[in-house]
């Protein structure tokens, strides 16, 4: 049986974070490239899940994260870049990053969008550098029929999170522990 030292686990975790950065173009994503990815993500949501049109119409702002890459082997991480849009106009760019430890192995990519349903939730997000998805966020789940699973609970939530487009070897995708930081691409 192989025993891992702390140094080995840190090296594996660093490799996991490095893999998470691959495919996200760290250092090569300018504003135009992020905006193009956000446009494609928005269009995909509207085409695949028509119910997002209603959410977008009610939201005070939407943060689109078109590509999150997550990798882990005991220690893992995820990374992605996206844009905050108000009235469908980009106002800021953000990175999202998370780290985790525990029983995990594999890699996956996914996209997500955060719908800020109140002025207060949007202002709180924009005001706080290093904002983290908290208990006030509710998840809306797309079903196979293309509808968004919003009910009274989610429609009254200040932030609605929609995770979609998962592909890879890790089952599920979570935004728990993800920190969002304003960037200048």
C-alpha atoms as a PDB file:
ATOM      1  CA  UNK A   1       0.000   0.000   0.000  1.00  0.00           C
ATOM      2  CA  UNK A   2       1.314   3.452  -0.928  1.00  0.00           C
ATOM      3  CA  UNK A   3       1.538   6.139   1.724  1.00  0.00           C
ATOM      4  CA  UNK A   4       1.297   9.783   0.693  1.00  0.00           C
ATOM      5  CA  UNK A   5       3.244  12.496   2.466  1.00  0.00           C
ATOM      6  CA  UNK A   6       1.969  16.059   2.780  1.00  0.00           C
ATOM      7  CA  UNK A   7       4.497  17.134   0.176  1.00  0.00           C
ATOM      8  CA  UNK A   8       3.167  14.519  -2.284  1.00  0.00           C
ATOM      9  CA  UNK A   9      -0.442  15.598  -1.660  1.00  0.00           C
ATOM     10  CA  UNK A  10       0.485  19.250  -2.197  1.00  0.00           C
ATOM     11  CA  UNK A  11       2.252  18.363  -5.449  1.00  0.00           C
ATOM     12  CA  UNK A  12      -0.787  16.392  -6.617  1.00  0.00           C
ATOM     13  CA  UNK A  13      -3.064  19.281  -5.614  1.00  0.00           C
ATOM     14  CA  UNK A  14      -0.889  21.735  -7.516  1.00  0.00           C
ATOM     15  CA  UNK A  15      -1.056  19.483 -10.554  1.00  0.00           C
ATOM     16  CA  UNK A  16      -4.843  19.343 -10.154  1.00  0.00           C
ATOM     17  CA  UNK A  17      -5.052  23.130 -10.059  1.00  0.00           C
ATOM     18  CA  UNK A  18      -2.761  23.278 -13.090  1.00  0.00           C
ATOM     19  CA  UNK A  19      -5.067  20.907 -14.960  1.00  0.00           C
ATOM     20  CA  UNK A  20      -8.036  23.005 -13.890  1.00  0.00           C
ATOM     21  CA  UNK A  21      -6.390  26.007 -15.511  1.00  0.00           C
ATOM     22  CA  UNK A  22      -5.775  24.144 -18.790  1.00  0.00           C
ATOM     23  CA  UNK A  23      -8.386  24.886 -21.378  1.00  0.00           C
ATOM     24  CA  UNK A  24      -9.356  28.153 -19.724  1.00  0.00           C
ATOM     25  CA  UNK A  25      -6.624  30.098 -21.479  1.00  0.00           C
ATOM     26  CA  UNK A  26      -5.192  31.754 -18.384  1.00  0.00           C
ATOM     27  CA  UNK A  27      -3.362  34.811 -19.587  1.00  0.00           C
ATOM     28  CA  UNK A  28      -4.730  34.604 -23.121  1.00  0.00           C
ATOM     29  CA  UNK A  29      -8.384  35.548 -22.623  1.00  0.00           C
ATOM     30  CA  UNK A  30      -8.908  39.161 -23.501  1.00  0.00           C
ATOM     31  CA  UNK A  31     -12.194  40.928 -22.960  1.00  0.00           C
ATOM     32  CA  UNK A  32     -13.348  40.197 -26.522  1.00  0.00           C
ATOM     33  CA  UNK A  33     -12.759  36.470 -26.110  1.00  0.00           C
ATOM     34  CA  UNK A  34     -14.587  36.344 -22.762  1.00  0.00           C
ATOM     35  CA  UNK A  35     -17.493  38.343 -24.243  1.00  0.00           C
ATOM     36  CA  UNK A  36     -17.701  35.949 -27.210  1.00  0.00           C
ATOM     37  CA  UNK A  37     -17.862  32.971 -24.845  1.00  0.00           C
ATOM     38  CA  UNK A  38     -20.488  34.721 -22.715  1.00  0.00           C
ATOM     39  CA  UNK A  39     -22.583  35.463 -25.831  1.00  0.00           C
ATOM     40  CA  UNK A  40     -22.402  31.803 -26.853  1.00  0.00           C
ATOM     41  CA  UNK A  41     -23.339  30.689 -23.316  1.00  0.00           C
ATOM     42  CA  UNK A  42     -26.311  33.078 -23.163  1.00  0.00           C
ATOM     43  CA  UNK A  43     -27.498  31.935 -26.599  1.00  0.00           C
ATOM     44  CA  UNK A  44     -27.123  28.275 -25.577  1.00  0.00           C
ATOM     45  CA  UNK A  45     -29.210  28.849 -22.448  1.00  0.00           C
ATOM     46  CA  UNK A  46     -31.947  30.617 -24.398  1.00  0.00           C
ATOM     47  CA  UNK A  47     -32.049  27.906 -27.050  1.00  0.00           C
ATOM     48  CA  UNK A  48     -31.747  24.845 -24.800  1.00  0.00           C
ATOM     49  CA  UNK A  49     -33.681  26.178 -21.773  1.00  0.00           C
ATOM     50  CA  UNK A  50     -36.263  28.728 -22.960  1.00  0.00           C
ATOM     51  CA  UNK A  51     -37.336  29.345 -19.332  1.00  0.00           C
ATOM     52  CA  UNK A  52     -34.099  31.268 -18.788  1.00  0.00           C
ATOM     53  CA  UNK A  53     -35.603  34.119 -20.834  1.00  0.00           C
ATOM     54  CA  UNK A  54     -38.002  34.800 -17.947  1.00  0.00           C
ATOM     55  CA  UNK A  55     -35.163  34.628 -15.388  1.00  0.00           C
ATOM     56  CA  UNK A  56     -32.999  36.973 -17.467  1.00  0.00           C
ATOM     57  CA  UNK A  57     -35.895  39.404 -17.758  1.00  0.00           C
ATOM     58  CA  UNK A  58     -36.432  39.520 -13.985  1.00  0.00           C
ATOM     59  CA  UNK A  59     -32.759  39.465 -12.964  1.00  0.00           C
ATOM     60  CA  UNK A  60     -30.999  42.709 -12.063  1.00  0.00           C
ATOM     61  CA  UNK A  61     -27.781  41.193 -13.432  1.00  0.00           C
ATOM     62  CA  UNK A  62     -26.406  37.864 -14.634  1.00  0.00           C
ATOM     63  CA  UNK A  63     -22.888  36.522 -14.114  1.00  0.00           C
ATOM     64  CA  UNK A  64     -22.037  34.084 -16.906  1.00  0.00           C
ATOM     65  CA  UNK A  65     -19.160  31.664 -16.371  1.00  0.00           C
ATOM     66  CA  UNK A  66     -18.925  29.908 -19.760  1.00  0.00           C
ATOM     67  CA  UNK A  67     -16.191  27.411 -18.925  1.00  0.00           C
ATOM     68  CA  UNK A  68     -15.199  26.101 -15.512  1.00  0.00           C
ATOM     69  CA  UNK A  69     -12.561  23.386 -15.456  1.00  0.00           C
ATOM     70  CA  UNK A  70     -12.357  21.212 -12.359  1.00  0.00           C
ATOM     71  CA  UNK A  71      -9.738  18.549 -11.628  1.00  0.00           C
ATOM     72  CA  UNK A  72      -8.756  16.617  -8.578  1.00  0.00           C
ATOM     73  CA  UNK A  73      -6.898  13.680  -7.147  1.00  0.00           C
ATOM     74  CA  UNK A  74      -7.439  13.903  -3.397  1.00  0.00           C
ATOM     75  CA  UNK A  75      -6.833  17.639  -3.617  1.00  0.00           C
ATOM     76  CA  UNK A  76      -8.580  19.489  -6.381  1.00  0.00           C
ATOM     77  CA  UNK A  77      -9.525  22.817  -7.756  1.00  0.00           C
ATOM     78  CA  UNK A  78     -11.515  24.623 -10.377  1.00  0.00           C
ATOM     79  CA  UNK A  79     -11.061  27.809 -12.357  1.00  0.00           C
ATOM     80  CA  UNK A  80     -12.934  29.837 -14.946  1.00  0.00           C
ATOM     81  CA  UNK A  81     -13.503  33.355 -16.262  1.00  0.00           C
ATOM     82  CA  UNK A  82     -16.666  35.167 -17.200  1.00  0.00           C
ATOM     83  CA  UNK A  83     -18.563  38.431 -17.269  1.00  0.00           C
ATOM     84  CA  UNK A  84     -21.265  40.197 -15.298  1.00  0.00           C
ATOM     85  CA  UNK A  85     -23.965  41.664 -17.495  1.00  0.00           C
ATOM     86  CA  UNK A  86     -26.588  44.207 -16.543  1.00  0.00           C
ATOM     87  CA  UNK A  87     -29.291  44.761 -19.182  1.00  0.00           C
ATOM     88  CA  UNK A  88     -27.230  42.400 -21.377  1.00  0.00           C
ATOM     89  CA  UNK A  89     -24.230  44.758 -21.333  1.00  0.00           C
ATOM     90  CA  UNK A  90     -20.914  43.621 -19.827  1.00  0.00           C
ATOM     91  CA  UNK A  91     -20.047  45.788 -16.816  1.00  0.00           C
ATOM     92  CA  UNK A  92     -17.257  43.722 -15.175  1.00  0.00           C
ATOM     93  CA  UNK A  93     -15.156  40.602 -15.709  1.00  0.00           C
ATOM     94  CA  UNK A  94     -14.652  37.948 -13.036  1.00  0.00           C
ATOM     95  CA  UNK A  95     -12.626  34.859 -12.317  1.00  0.00           C
ATOM     96  CA  UNK A  96     -14.031  32.004 -10.268  1.00  0.00           C
ATOM     97  CA  UNK A  97     -11.776  29.633  -8.340  1.00  0.00           C
ATOM     98  CA  UNK A  98     -12.199  26.942  -5.736  1.00  0.00           C
ATOM     99  CA  UNK A  99     -10.080  24.355  -3.972  1.00  0.00           C
ATOM    100  CA  UNK A 100     -11.171  21.148  -2.310  1.00  0.00           C
ATOM    101  CA  UNK A 101      -9.778  18.190  -0.441  1.00  0.00           C
ATOM    102  CA  UNK A 102     -11.319  14.796   0.027  1.00  0.00           C
ATOM    103  CA  UNK A 103     -12.209  11.674  -1.905  1.00  0.00           C
ATOM    104  CA  UNK A 104     -12.100  12.819  -5.534  1.00  0.00           C
ATOM    105  CA  UNK A 105     -10.405  11.841  -8.743  1.00  0.00           C
ATOM    106  CA  UNK A 106     -10.953  13.017 -12.284  1.00  0.00           C
ATOM    107  CA  UNK A 107     -11.692  16.128 -14.274  1.00  0.00           C
ATOM    108  CA  UNK A 108     -14.712  17.851 -15.727  1.00  0.00           C
ATOM    109  CA  UNK A 109     -15.830  21.029 -17.388  1.00  0.00           C
ATOM    110  CA  UNK A 110     -19.110  22.848 -16.895  1.00  0.00           C
ATOM    111  CA  UNK A 111     -20.702  26.256 -17.203  1.00  0.00           C
ATOM    112  CA  UNK A 112     -22.843  28.213 -14.792  1.00  0.00           C
ATOM    113  CA  UNK A 113     -24.784  31.411 -14.494  1.00  0.00           C
ATOM    114  CA  UNK A 114     -25.740  33.368 -11.389  1.00  0.00           C
ATOM    115  CA  UNK A 115     -28.956  35.363 -11.676  1.00  0.00           C
ATOM    116  CA  UNK A 116     -29.047  38.274  -9.214  1.00  0.00           C
ATOM    117  CA  UNK A 117     -32.752  38.769  -8.597  1.00  0.00           C
ATOM    118  CA  UNK A 118     -32.561  41.802  -6.283  1.00  0.00           C
ATOM    119  CA  UNK A 119     -30.684  45.091  -6.374  1.00  0.00           C
ATOM    120  CA  UNK A 120     -29.252  44.274  -2.924  1.00  0.00           C
ATOM    121  CA  UNK A 121     -27.800  40.908  -4.003  1.00  0.00           C
ATOM    122  CA  UNK A 122     -26.252  42.486  -7.112  1.00  0.00           C
ATOM    123  CA  UNK A 123     -24.805  45.399  -5.121  1.00  0.00           C
ATOM    124  CA  UNK A 124     -23.417  42.994  -2.495  1.00  0.00           C
ATOM    125  CA  UNK A 125     -21.735  40.923  -5.207  1.00  0.00           C
ATOM    126  CA  UNK A 126     -20.193  43.956  -6.912  1.00  0.00           C
ATOM    127  CA  UNK A 127     -19.075  45.548  -3.642  1.00  0.00           C
ATOM    128  CA  UNK A 128     -17.282  42.486  -2.190  1.00  0.00           C
ATOM    129  CA  UNK A 129     -14.047  41.304  -3.737  1.00  0.00           C
ATOM    130  CA  UNK A 130     -13.782  37.570  -3.179  1.00  0.00           C
ATOM    131  CA  UNK A 131     -17.576  37.030  -3.029  1.00  0.00           C
ATOM    132  CA  UNK A 132     -18.582  33.440  -2.352  1.00  0.00           C
ATOM    133  CA  UNK A 133     -21.828  31.648  -3.179  1.00  0.00           C
ATOM    134  CA  UNK A 134     -23.674  31.472   0.119  1.00  0.00           C
ATOM    135  CA  UNK A 135     -26.806  30.066   1.666  1.00  0.00           C
ATOM    136  CA  UNK A 136     -28.911  32.767  -0.006  1.00  0.00           C
ATOM    137  CA  UNK A 137     -28.361  31.165  -3.431  1.00  0.00           C
ATOM    138  CA  UNK A 138     -30.867  28.633  -4.741  1.00  0.00           C
ATOM    139  CA  UNK A 139     -30.147  26.169  -7.522  1.00  0.00           C
ATOM    140  CA  UNK A 140     -32.447  25.853 -10.509  1.00  0.00           C
ATOM    141  CA  UNK A 141     -32.075  22.533 -12.281  1.00  0.00           C
ATOM    142  CA  UNK A 142     -32.726  22.136 -16.003  1.00  0.00           C
ATOM    143  CA  UNK A 143     -34.816  19.078 -16.820  1.00  0.00           C
ATOM    144  CA  UNK A 144     -34.699  16.941 -19.944  1.00  0.00           C
ATOM    145  CA  UNK A 145     -37.608  18.860 -21.461  1.00  0.00           C
ATOM    146  CA  UNK A 146     -35.604  22.078 -21.537  1.00  0.00           C
ATOM    147  CA  UNK A 147     -37.469  23.767 -18.704  1.00  0.00           C
ATOM    148  CA  UNK A 148     -35.756  25.378 -15.757  1.00  0.00           C
ATOM    149  CA  UNK A 149     -36.822  23.974 -12.400  1.00  0.00           C
ATOM    150  CA  UNK A 150     -37.823  27.188 -10.682  1.00  0.00           C
ATOM    151  CA  UNK A 151     -40.444  27.077  -8.012  1.00  0.00           C
ATOM    152  CA  UNK A 152     -41.687  29.536  -5.423  1.00  0.00           C
ATOM    153  CA  UNK A 153     -38.556  28.982  -3.322  1.00  0.00           C
ATOM    154  CA  UNK A 154     -36.133  29.778  -6.123  1.00  0.00           C
ATOM    155  CA  UNK A 155     -38.215  32.593  -7.587  1.00  0.00           C
ATOM    156  CA  UNK A 156     -38.041  34.438  -4.239  1.00  0.00           C
ATOM    157  CA  UNK A 157     -34.292  33.825  -3.774  1.00  0.00           C
ATOM    158  CA  UNK A 158     -31.907  36.787  -4.116  1.00  0.00           C
ATOM    159  CA  UNK A 159     -29.477  34.685  -6.211  1.00  0.00           C
ATOM    160  CA  UNK A 160     -30.375  31.769  -8.482  1.00  0.00           C
ATOM    161  CA  UNK A 161     -27.545  29.529  -9.683  1.00  0.00           C
ATOM    162  CA  UNK A 162     -27.842  27.420 -12.814  1.00  0.00           C
ATOM    163  CA  UNK A 163     -25.136  24.805 -13.473  1.00  0.00           C
ATOM    164  CA  UNK A 164     -25.234  23.158 -16.912  1.00  0.00           C
ATOM    165  CA  UNK A 165     -23.183  21.531 -19.644  1.00  0.00           C
ATOM    166  CA  UNK A 166     -21.284  19.130 -17.383  1.00  0.00           C
ATOM    167  CA  UNK A 167     -18.836  16.901 -19.231  1.00  0.00           C
ATOM    168  CA  UNK A 168     -16.062  14.819 -17.760  1.00  0.00           C
ATOM    169  CA  UNK A 169     -15.169  12.145 -15.269  1.00  0.00           C
ATOM    170  CA  UNK A 170     -16.293  13.730 -11.977  1.00  0.00           C
ATOM    171  CA  UNK A 171     -19.954  13.223 -11.168  1.00  0.00           C
ATOM    172  CA  UNK A 172     -21.844  16.450 -10.530  1.00  0.00           C
ATOM    173  CA  UNK A 173     -20.686  20.012 -10.234  1.00  0.00           C
ATOM    174  CA  UNK A 174     -20.895  22.226  -7.205  1.00  0.00           C
ATOM    175  CA  UNK A 175     -20.346  25.928  -6.665  1.00  0.00           C
ATOM    176  CA  UNK A 176     -19.732  25.436  -2.947  1.00  0.00           C
ATOM    177  CA  UNK A 177     -16.581  27.258  -1.926  1.00  0.00           C
ATOM    178  CA  UNK A 178     -16.228  29.063  -5.262  1.00  0.00           C
ATOM    179  CA  UNK A 179     -14.866  32.597  -4.901  1.00  0.00           C
ATOM    180  CA  UNK A 180     -15.537  35.248  -7.512  1.00  0.00           C
ATOM    181  CA  UNK A 181     -12.982  38.011  -7.999  1.00  0.00           C
ATOM    182  CA  UNK A 182     -13.155  41.017 -10.330  1.00  0.00           C
ATOM    183  CA  UNK A 183     -10.411  40.923 -12.978  1.00  0.00           C
ATOM    184  CA  UNK A 184      -9.100  43.101 -15.788  1.00  0.00           C
ATOM    185  CA  UNK A 185      -8.654  40.792 -18.793  1.00  0.00           C
END
